[in-house]
Amino acid sequence: CGAPIAVRTVLRALEPEDKAVVCSATS
């Protein structure tokens, strides 16, 4: 499946010192 690959790659673009708030539509 491509979805978790997309998510992992996007989140890995965050700088280590930064935090994130993530939301996901029902899917």
PDB file of all heavy atoms in Angstrom:
ATOM      1  N   CYS A   1       0.835  -1.199   0.000  1.00  0.00           N
ATOM      2  CA  CYS A   1       0.000   0.000   0.000  1.00  0.00           C
ATOM      3  C   CYS A   1       0.871   1.251   0.000  1.00  0.00           C
ATOM      4  O   CYS A   1       1.872   1.333   0.721  1.00  0.00           O
ATOM      5  CB  CYS A   1      -0.913  -0.002   1.217  1.00  0.00           C
ATOM      6  SG  CYS A   1      -1.840   1.537   1.443  1.00  0.00           S
ATOM      7  N   GLY A   2       0.459   2.249  -0.763  1.00  0.00           N
ATOM      8  CA  GLY A   2       1.229   3.477  -0.848  1.00  0.00           C
ATOM      9  C   GLY A   2       1.001   4.450   0.297  1.00  0.00           C
ATOM     10  O   GLY A   2       1.858   5.304   0.566  1.00  0.00           O
ATOM     11  N   ALA A   3      -0.125   4.342   0.995  1.00  0.00           N
ATOM     12  CA  ALA A   3      -0.462   5.347   2.014  1.00  0.00           C
ATOM     13  C   ALA A   3       0.574   5.442   3.135  1.00  0.00           C
ATOM     14  O   ALA A   3       1.042   6.548   3.452  1.00  0.00           O
ATOM     15  CB  ALA A   3      -1.852   5.074   2.584  1.00  0.00           C
ATOM     16  N   PRO A   4       0.953   4.334   3.792  1.00  0.00           N
ATOM     17  CA  PRO A   4       1.941   4.480   4.876  1.00  0.00           C
ATOM     18  C   PRO A   4       3.308   4.919   4.386  1.00  0.00           C
ATOM     19  O   PRO A   4       4.049   5.591   5.116  1.00  0.00           O
ATOM     20  CB  PRO A   4       1.994   3.079   5.503  1.00  0.00           C
ATOM     21  CG  PRO A   4       1.497   2.157   4.444  1.00  0.00           C
ATOM     22  CD  PRO A   4       0.490   2.944   3.665  1.00  0.00           C
ATOM     23  N   ILE A   5       3.651   4.583   3.146  1.00  0.00           N
ATOM     24  CA  ILE A   5       4.921   5.060   2.584  1.00  0.00           C
ATOM     25  C   ILE A   5       4.882   6.577   2.452  1.00  0.00           C
ATOM     26  O   ILE A   5       5.845   7.275   2.795  1.00  0.00           O
ATOM     27  CB  ILE A   5       5.183   4.407   1.213  1.00  0.00           C
ATOM     28  CG1 ILE A   5       5.215   2.890   1.331  1.00  0.00           C
ATOM     29  CG2 ILE A   5       6.499   4.919   0.626  1.00  0.00           C
ATOM     30  CD1 ILE A   5       5.306   2.161  -0.006  1.00  0.00           C
ATOM     31  N   ALA A   6       3.757   7.088   1.974  1.00  0.00           N
ATOM     32  CA  ALA A   6       3.599   8.538   1.852  1.00  0.00           C
ATOM     33  C   ALA A   6       3.691   9.219   3.207  1.00  0.00           C
ATOM     34  O   ALA A   6       4.398  10.219   3.374  1.00  0.00           O
ATOM     35  CB  ALA A   6       2.258   8.859   1.188  1.00  0.00           C
ATOM     36  N   VAL A   7       2.995   8.678   4.202  1.00  0.00           N
ATOM     37  CA  VAL A   7       2.985   9.278   5.540  1.00  0.00           C
ATOM     38  C   VAL A   7       4.380   9.268   6.150  1.00  0.00           C
ATOM     39  O   VAL A   7       4.848  10.288   6.683  1.00  0.00           O
ATOM     40  CB  VAL A   7       1.996   8.537   6.453  1.00  0.00           C
ATOM     41  CG1 VAL A   7       2.142   9.008   7.898  1.00  0.00           C
ATOM     42  CG2 VAL A   7       0.570   8.745   5.968  1.00  0.00           C
ATOM     43  N   ARG A   8       5.048   8.139   6.100  1.00  0.00           N
ATOM     44  CA  ARG A   8       6.386   8.047   6.700  1.00  0.00           C
ATOM     45  C   ARG A   8       7.347   9.047   6.068  1.00  0.00           C
ATOM     46  O   ARG A   8       8.136   9.691   6.766  1.00  0.00           O
ATOM     47  CB  ARG A   8       6.926   6.622   6.533  1.00  0.00           C
ATOM     48  CG  ARG A   8       6.235   5.578   7.387  1.00  0.00           C
ATOM     49  CD  ARG A   8       6.691   4.179   7.017  1.00  0.00           C
ATOM     50  NE  ARG A   8       8.128   4.034   7.176  1.00  0.00           N
ATOM     51  CZ  ARG A   8       8.855   3.133   6.507  1.00  0.00           C
ATOM     52  NH1 ARG A   8       8.284   2.337   5.623  1.00  0.00           N
ATOM     53  NH2 ARG A   8      10.151   3.035   6.728  1.00  0.00           N
ATOM     54  N   THR A   9       7.271   9.179   4.747  1.00  0.00           N
ATOM     55  CA  THR A   9       8.189  10.082   4.054  1.00  0.00           C
ATOM     56  C   THR A   9       7.889  11.538   4.372  1.00  0.00           C
ATOM     57  O   THR A   9       8.803  12.344   4.582  1.00  0.00           O
ATOM     58  CB  THR A   9       8.129   9.840   2.533  1.00  0.00           C
ATOM     59  OG1 THR A   9       8.282   8.441   2.268  1.00  0.00           O
ATOM     60  CG2 THR A   9       9.236  10.601   1.828  1.00  0.00           C
ATOM     61  N   VAL A  10       6.620  11.887   4.429  1.00  0.00           N
ATOM     62  CA  VAL A  10       6.250  13.266   4.766  1.00  0.00           C
ATOM     63  C   VAL A  10       6.679  13.602   6.194  1.00  0.00           C
ATOM     64  O   VAL A  10       7.307  14.654   6.435  1.00  0.00           O
ATOM     65  CB  VAL A  10       4.738  13.488   4.584  1.00  0.00           C
ATOM     66  CG1 VAL A  10       4.309  14.829   5.185  1.00  0.00           C
ATOM     67  CG2 VAL A  10       4.352  13.423   3.115  1.00  0.00           C
ATOM     68  N   LEU A  11       6.387  12.733   7.142  1.00  0.00           N
ATOM     69  CA  LEU A  11       6.724  13.025   8.533  1.00  0.00           C
ATOM     70  C   LEU A  11       8.236  13.050   8.764  1.00  0.00           C
ATOM     71  O   LEU A  11       8.727  13.780   9.624  1.00  0.00           O
ATOM     72  CB  LEU A  11       6.071  11.996   9.459  1.00  0.00           C
ATOM     73  CG  LEU A  11       4.542  12.013   9.526  1.00  0.00           C
ATOM     74  CD1 LEU A  11       4.039  10.978  10.530  1.00  0.00           C
ATOM     75  CD2 LEU A  11       4.020  13.395   9.899  1.00  0.00           C
ATOM     76  N   ARG A  12       8.969  12.275   7.988  1.00  0.00           N
ATOM     77  CA  ARG A  12      10.421  12.270   8.129  1.00  0.00           C
ATOM     78  C   ARG A  12      11.035  13.588   7.668  1.00  0.00           C
ATOM     79  O   ARG A  12      12.189  13.897   7.988  1.00  0.00           O
ATOM     80  CB  ARG A  12      11.012  11.103   7.336  1.00  0.00           C
ATOM     81  CG  ARG A  12      12.350  10.611   7.904  1.00  0.00           C
ATOM     82  CD  ARG A  12      12.983   9.539   7.032  1.00  0.00           C
ATOM     83  NE  ARG A  12      12.272   8.284   7.161  1.00  0.00           N
ATOM     84  CZ  ARG A  12      11.748   7.622   6.134  1.00  0.00           C
ATOM     85  NH1 ARG A  12      11.824   8.116   4.916  1.00  0.00           N
ATOM     86  NH2 ARG A  12      11.143   6.469   6.316  1.00  0.00           N
ATOM     87  N   ALA A  13      10.271  14.383   6.937  1.00  0.00           N
ATOM     88  CA  ALA A  13      10.767  15.688   6.491  1.00  0.00           C
ATOM     89  C   ALA A  13      10.773  16.714   7.615  1.00  0.00           C
ATOM     90  O   ALA A  13      11.367  17.787   7.478  1.00  0.00           O
ATOM     91  CB  ALA A  13       9.931  16.197   5.326  1.00  0.00           C
ATOM     92  N   LEU A  14      10.097  16.421   8.723  1.00  0.00           N
ATOM     93  CA  LEU A  14      10.130  17.324   9.875  1.00  0.00           C
ATOM     94  C   LEU A  14      11.532  17.391  10.462  1.00  0.00           C
ATOM     95  O   LEU A  14      12.234  16.378  10.547  1.00  0.00           O
ATOM     96  CB  LEU A  14       9.165  16.836  10.961  1.00  0.00           C
ATOM     97  CG  LEU A  14       7.673  17.041  10.699  1.00  0.00           C
ATOM     98  CD1 LEU A  14       6.855  16.086  11.555  1.00  0.00           C
ATOM     99  CD2 LEU A  14       7.283  18.483  10.992  1.00  0.00           C
ATOM    100  N   GLU A  15      11.935  18.578  10.889  1.00  0.00           N
ATOM    101  CA  GLU A  15      13.209  18.704  11.593  1.00  0.00           C
ATOM    102  C   GLU A  15      13.084  18.059  12.981  1.00  0.00           C
ATOM    103  O   GLU A  15      12.012  18.105  13.599  1.00  0.00           O
ATOM    104  CB  GLU A  15      13.597  20.173  11.718  1.00  0.00           C
ATOM    105  CG  GLU A  15      13.894  20.850  10.380  1.00  0.00           C
ATOM    106  CD  GLU A  15      15.044  20.214   9.633  1.00  0.00           C
ATOM    107  OE1 GLU A  15      15.993  19.715  10.294  1.00  0.00           O
ATOM    108  OE2 GLU A  15      14.994  20.175   8.390  1.00  0.00           O
ATOM    109  N   PRO A  16      14.160  17.426  13.472  1.00  0.00           N
ATOM    110  CA  PRO A  16      14.075  16.667  14.726  1.00  0.00           C
ATOM    111  C   PRO A  16      13.543  17.455  15.916  1.00  0.00           C
ATOM    112  O   PRO A  16      12.882  16.912  16.789  1.00  0.00           O
ATOM    113  CB  PRO A  16      15.527  16.224  14.964  1.00  0.00           C
ATOM    114  CG  PRO A  16      16.142  16.209  13.604  1.00  0.00           C
ATOM    115  CD  PRO A  16      15.491  17.323  12.846  1.00  0.00           C
ATOM    116  N   GLU A  17      13.824  18.760  15.950  1.00  0.00           N
ATOM    117  CA  GLU A  17      13.405  19.563  17.099  1.00  0.00           C
ATOM    118  C   GLU A  17      11.942  19.983  17.036  1.00  0.00           C
ATOM    119  O   GLU A  17      11.393  20.483  18.020  1.00  0.00           O
ATOM    120  CB  GLU A  17      14.293  20.811  17.217  1.00  0.00           C
ATOM    121  CG  GLU A  17      14.163  21.802  16.074  1.00  0.00           C
ATOM    122  CD  GLU A  17      15.084  21.515  14.893  1.00  0.00           C
ATOM    123  OE1 GLU A  17      15.635  20.391  14.835  1.00  0.00           O
ATOM    124  OE2 GLU A  17      15.250  22.410  14.048  1.00  0.00           O
ATOM    125  N   ASP A  18      11.311  19.788  15.886  1.00  0.00           N
ATOM    126  CA  ASP A  18       9.930  20.229  15.727  1.00  0.00           C
ATOM    127  C   ASP A  18       8.940  19.104  16.017  1.00  0.00           C
ATOM    128  O   ASP A  18       9.197  17.929  15.749  1.00  0.00           O
ATOM    129  CB  ASP A  18       9.692  20.734  14.295  1.00  0.00           C
ATOM    130  CG  ASP A  18      10.430  22.032  14.019  1.00  0.00           C
ATOM    131  OD1 ASP A  18      10.776  22.738  14.994  1.00  0.00           O
ATOM    132  OD2 ASP A  18      10.670  22.337  12.835  1.00  0.00           O
ATOM    133  N   LYS A  19       7.818  19.500  16.568  1.00  0.00           N
ATOM    134  CA  LYS A  19       6.729  18.562  16.823  1.00  0.00           C
ATOM    135  C   LYS A  19       5.629  18.795  15.795  1.00  0.00           C
ATOM    136  O   LYS A  19       5.626  19.799  15.094  1.00  0.00           O
ATOM    137  CB  LYS A  19       6.190  18.758  18.244  1.00  0.00           C
ATOM    138  CG  LYS A  19       7.217  18.525  19.334  1.00  0.00           C
ATOM    139  CD  LYS A  19       6.624  18.772  20.715  1.00  0.00           C
ATOM    140  CE  LYS A  19       7.671  18.554  21.797  1.00  0.00           C
ATOM    141  NZ  LYS A  19       7.118  18.814  23.155  1.00  0.00           N
ATOM    142  N   ALA A  20       4.701  17.858  15.727  1.00  0.00           N
ATOM    143  CA  ALA A  20       3.620  18.000  14.755  1.00  0.00           C
ATOM    144  C   ALA A  20       2.292  17.600  15.375  1.00  0.00           C
ATOM    145  O   ALA A  20       2.237  16.769  16.299  1.00  0.00           O
ATOM    146  CB  ALA A  20       3.887  17.143  13.525  1.00  0.00           C
ATOM    147  N   VAL A  21       1.239  18.215  14.886  1.00  0.00           N
ATOM    148  CA  VAL A  21      -0.120  17.752  15.138  1.00  0.00           C
ATOM    149  C   VAL A  21      -0.629  17.213  13.810  1.00  0.00           C
ATOM    150  O   VAL A  21      -0.561  17.897  12.787  1.00  0.00           O
ATOM    151  CB  VAL A  21      -1.036  18.884  15.647  1.00  0.00           C
ATOM    152  CG1 VAL A  21      -2.452  18.351  15.856  1.00  0.00           C
ATOM    153  CG2 VAL A  21      -0.490  19.474  16.932  1.00  0.00           C
ATOM    154  N   VAL A  22      -1.083  15.975  13.830  1.00  0.00           N
ATOM    155  CA  VAL A  22      -1.517  15.298  12.616  1.00  0.00           C
ATOM    156  C   VAL A  22      -2.987  14.945  12.744  1.00  0.00           C
ATOM    157  O   VAL A  22      -3.450  14.543  13.822  1.00  0.00           O
ATOM    158  CB  VAL A  22      -0.694  14.011  12.392  1.00  0.00           C
ATOM    159  CG1 VAL A  22      -1.194  13.255  11.161  1.00  0.00           C
ATOM    160  CG2 VAL A  22       0.789  14.333  12.249  1.00  0.00           C
ATOM    161  N   CYS A  23      -3.725  15.100  11.657  1.00  0.00           N
ATOM    162  CA  CYS A  23      -5.091  14.580  11.645  1.00  0.00           C
ATOM    163  C   CYS A  23      -5.317  13.807  10.363  1.00  0.00           C
ATOM    164  O   CYS A  23      -4.619  14.003   9.368  1.00  0.00           O
ATOM    165  CB  CYS A  23      -6.128  15.692  11.822  1.00  0.00           C
ATOM    166  SG  CYS A  23      -6.417  16.718  10.376  1.00  0.00           S
ATOM    167  N   SER A  24      -6.271  12.907  10.425  1.00  0.00           N
ATOM    168  CA  SER A  24      -6.575  12.089   9.259  1.00  0.00           C
ATOM    169  C   SER A  24      -8.073  11.928   9.122  1.00  0.00           C
ATOM    170  O   SER A  24      -8.759  11.586  10.087  1.00  0.00           O
ATOM    171  CB  SER A  24      -5.918  10.710   9.373  1.00  0.00           C
ATOM    172  OG  SER A  24      -6.325   9.868   8.315  1.00  0.00           O
ATOM    173  N   ALA A  25      -8.546  12.156   7.917  1.00  0.00           N
ATOM    174  CA  ALA A  25      -9.940  11.864   7.627  1.00  0.00           C
ATOM    175  C   ALA A  25     -10.176  10.363   7.734  1.00  0.00           C
ATOM    176  O   ALA A  25      -9.261   9.558   7.593  1.00  0.00           O
ATOM    177  CB  ALA A  25     -10.287  12.348   6.221  1.00  0.00           C
ATOM    178  N   THR A  26     -11.407   9.976   8.002  1.00  0.00           N
ATOM    179  CA  THR A  26     -11.755   8.564   8.005  1.00  0.00           C
ATOM    180  C   THR A  26     -11.322   7.949   6.681  1.00  0.00           C
ATOM    181  O   THR A  26     -11.625   8.463   5.614  1.00  0.00           O
ATOM    182  CB  THR A  26     -13.270   8.394   8.191  1.00  0.00           C
ATOM    183  OG1 THR A  26     -13.639   8.953   9.450  1.00  0.00           O
ATOM    184  CG2 THR A  26     -13.659   6.935   8.158  1.00  0.00           C
ATOM    185  N   SER A  27     -10.573   6.850   6.766  1.00  0.00           N
ATOM    186  CA  SER A  27      -9.966   6.277   5.563  1.00  0.00           C
ATOM    187  C   SER A  27      -9.292   4.967   5.940  1.00  0.00           C
ATOM    188  O   SER A  27      -9.244   4.584   7.111  1.00  0.00           O
ATOM    189  CB  SER A  27      -8.908   7.241   5.007  1.00  0.00           C
ATOM    190  OG  SER A  27      -7.925   7.511   6.000  1.00  0.00           O
TER     191      SER A  27
END
